[in-house]
Amino acid sequence: MNLRLPFAALLLSLLVLPAHAGSANARMEVSFVVHAACTVDAPGGGAPHVSCSDASLYRVAPAVAAAPAGGNAAWTVIF
């Protein structure tokens, strides 16, 4: 018995069936606490200055991409 034809028909029927995804609405209360906050100040053309509210670790490095012609260098700040 050739099993290809029934299998192909099954696959084809799955492709043409519409998806019946439902949706529901519900209320959910969410809260969060910010344990640390950091600001990054980028002076004209120099390395950015990072200031954190706690002793968060960070690293400042020149970006891998080259600086645009006539523009300031790009920097990456990693927290």
C-alpha atoms as a PDB file:
ATOM      1  CA  MET A   1       0.000   0.000   0.000  1.00  0.00           C
ATOM      2  CA  ASN A   2       1.340   3.408  -0.946  1.00  0.00           C
ATOM      3  CA  LEU A   3       1.476   5.620   2.167  1.00  0.00           C
ATOM      4  CA  ARG A   4       2.626   8.740   0.344  1.00  0.00           C
ATOM      5  CA  LEU A   5      -0.781   9.797  -0.916  1.00  0.00           C
ATOM      6  CA  PRO A   6      -2.625   9.726   2.463  1.00  0.00           C
ATOM      7  CA  PHE A   7       0.329  11.424   4.158  1.00  0.00           C
ATOM      8  CA  ALA A   8       0.455  14.142   1.490  1.00  0.00           C
ATOM      9  CA  ALA A   9      -3.301  14.686   1.777  1.00  0.00           C
ATOM     10  CA  LEU A  10      -2.989  15.050   5.556  1.00  0.00           C
ATOM     11  CA  LEU A  11      -0.200  17.621   5.229  1.00  0.00           C
ATOM     12  CA  LEU A  12      -2.155  19.575   2.618  1.00  0.00           C
ATOM     13  CA  SER A  13      -5.250  19.652   4.816  1.00  0.00           C
ATOM     14  CA  LEU A  14      -3.204  21.055   7.703  1.00  0.00           C
ATOM     15  CA  LEU A  15      -1.987  23.901   5.502  1.00  0.00           C
ATOM     16  CA  VAL A  16      -5.463  25.019   4.489  1.00  0.00           C
ATOM     17  CA  LEU A  17      -7.067  24.822   7.932  1.00  0.00           C
ATOM     18  CA  PRO A  18      -7.421  28.244   9.556  1.00  0.00           C
ATOM     19  CA  ALA A  19      -5.671  28.865  12.843  1.00  0.00           C
ATOM     20  CA  HIS A  20      -8.047  29.335  15.745  1.00  0.00           C
ATOM     21  CA  ALA A  21      -6.094  31.366  18.262  1.00  0.00           C
ATOM     22  CA  GLY A  22      -8.075  32.841  21.088  1.00  0.00           C
ATOM     23  CA  SER A  23      -7.404  35.816  23.276  1.00  0.00           C
ATOM     24  CA  ALA A  24      -8.314  36.718  26.806  1.00  0.00           C
ATOM     25  CA  ASN A  25      -8.120  39.826  28.922  1.00  0.00           C
ATOM     26  CA  ALA A  26      -7.169  39.886  32.574  1.00  0.00           C
ATOM     27  CA  ARG A  27      -5.967  42.461  35.062  1.00  0.00           C
ATOM     28  CA  MET A  28      -2.609  41.955  36.681  1.00  0.00           C
ATOM     29  CA  GLU A  29      -0.936  44.098  39.303  1.00  0.00           C
ATOM     30  CA  VAL A  30       2.797  44.579  38.742  1.00  0.00           C
ATOM     31  CA  SER A  31       5.430  46.347  40.791  1.00  0.00           C
ATOM     32  CA  PHE A  32       9.198  46.577  40.641  1.00  0.00           C
ATOM     33  CA  VAL A  33      12.083  48.058  42.579  1.00  0.00           C
ATOM     34  CA  VAL A  34      15.054  49.766  40.960  1.00  0.00           C
ATOM     35  CA  HIS A  35      18.098  48.722  42.981  1.00  0.00           C
ATOM     36  CA  ALA A  36      20.617  50.729  40.971  1.00  0.00           C
ATOM     37  CA  ALA A  37      20.458  53.552  38.501  1.00  0.00           C
ATOM     38  CA  CYS A  38      23.265  54.730  36.259  1.00  0.00           C
ATOM     39  CA  THR A  39      23.634  57.815  34.120  1.00  0.00           C
ATOM     40  CA  VAL A  40      25.968  58.162  31.187  1.00  0.00           C
ATOM     41  CA  ASP A  41      27.269  61.593  30.249  1.00  0.00           C
ATOM     42  CA  ALA A  42      29.021  61.871  26.905  1.00  0.00           C
ATOM     43  CA  PRO A  43      31.269  64.940  26.785  1.00  0.00           C
ATOM     44  CA  GLY A  44      32.168  66.308  23.362  1.00  0.00           C
ATOM     45  CA  GLY A  45      34.296  63.674  21.673  1.00  0.00           C
ATOM     46  CA  GLY A  46      35.734  62.099  24.821  1.00  0.00           C
ATOM     47  CA  ALA A  47      35.044  58.869  26.625  1.00  0.00           C
ATOM     48  CA  PRO A  48      31.655  58.836  28.353  1.00  0.00           C
ATOM     49  CA  HIS A  49      31.461  59.349  32.108  1.00  0.00           C
ATOM     50  CA  VAL A  50      29.344  56.780  33.973  1.00  0.00           C
ATOM     51  CA  SER A  51      27.867  57.477  37.397  1.00  0.00           C
ATOM     52  CA  CYS A  52      25.902  54.801  39.292  1.00  0.00           C
ATOM     53  CA  SER A  53      23.847  55.103  42.494  1.00  0.00           C
ATOM     54  CA  ASP A  54      25.629  52.069  43.945  1.00  0.00           C
ATOM     55  CA  ALA A  55      28.808  50.149  43.187  1.00  0.00           C
ATOM     56  CA  SER A  56      27.518  48.675  39.918  1.00  0.00           C
ATOM     57  CA  LEU A  57      30.208  47.315  37.677  1.00  0.00           C
ATOM     58  CA  TYR A  58      30.521  48.730  34.186  1.00  0.00           C
ATOM     59  CA  ARG A  59      33.052  48.923  31.387  1.00  0.00           C
ATOM     60  CA  VAL A  60      33.579  51.686  28.820  1.00  0.00           C
ATOM     61  CA  ALA A  61      35.277  50.753  25.557  1.00  0.00           C
ATOM     62  CA  PRO A  62      35.576  52.207  22.073  1.00  0.00           C
ATOM     63  CA  ALA A  63      32.941  50.747  19.765  1.00  0.00           C
ATOM     64  CA  VAL A  64      34.096  48.208  17.215  1.00  0.00           C
ATOM     65  CA  ALA A  65      32.772  50.241  14.292  1.00  0.00           C
ATOM     66  CA  ALA A  66      34.941  53.050  13.010  1.00  0.00           C
ATOM     67  CA  ALA A  67      34.013  56.624  13.856  1.00  0.00           C
ATOM     68  CA  PRO A  68      32.032  58.445  11.194  1.00  0.00           C
ATOM     69  CA  ALA A  69      34.030  60.837   9.019  1.00  0.00           C
ATOM     70  CA  GLY A  70      34.324  64.164  10.811  1.00  0.00           C
ATOM     71  CA  GLY A  71      32.290  62.881  13.755  1.00  0.00           C
ATOM     72  CA  ASN A  72      32.942  61.816  17.312  1.00  0.00           C
ATOM     73  CA  ALA A  73      34.111  58.332  18.171  1.00  0.00           C
ATOM     74  CA  ALA A  74      31.488  55.779  19.163  1.00  0.00           C
ATOM     75  CA  TRP A  75      31.650  54.191  22.609  1.00  0.00           C
ATOM     76  CA  THR A  76      30.133  51.115  24.213  1.00  0.00           C
ATOM     77  CA  VAL A  77      29.114  51.050  27.880  1.00  0.00           C
ATOM     78  CA  ILE A  78      28.596  47.549  29.248  1.00  0.00           C
ATOM     79  CA  PHE A  79      26.865  47.010  32.603  1.00  0.00           C
END
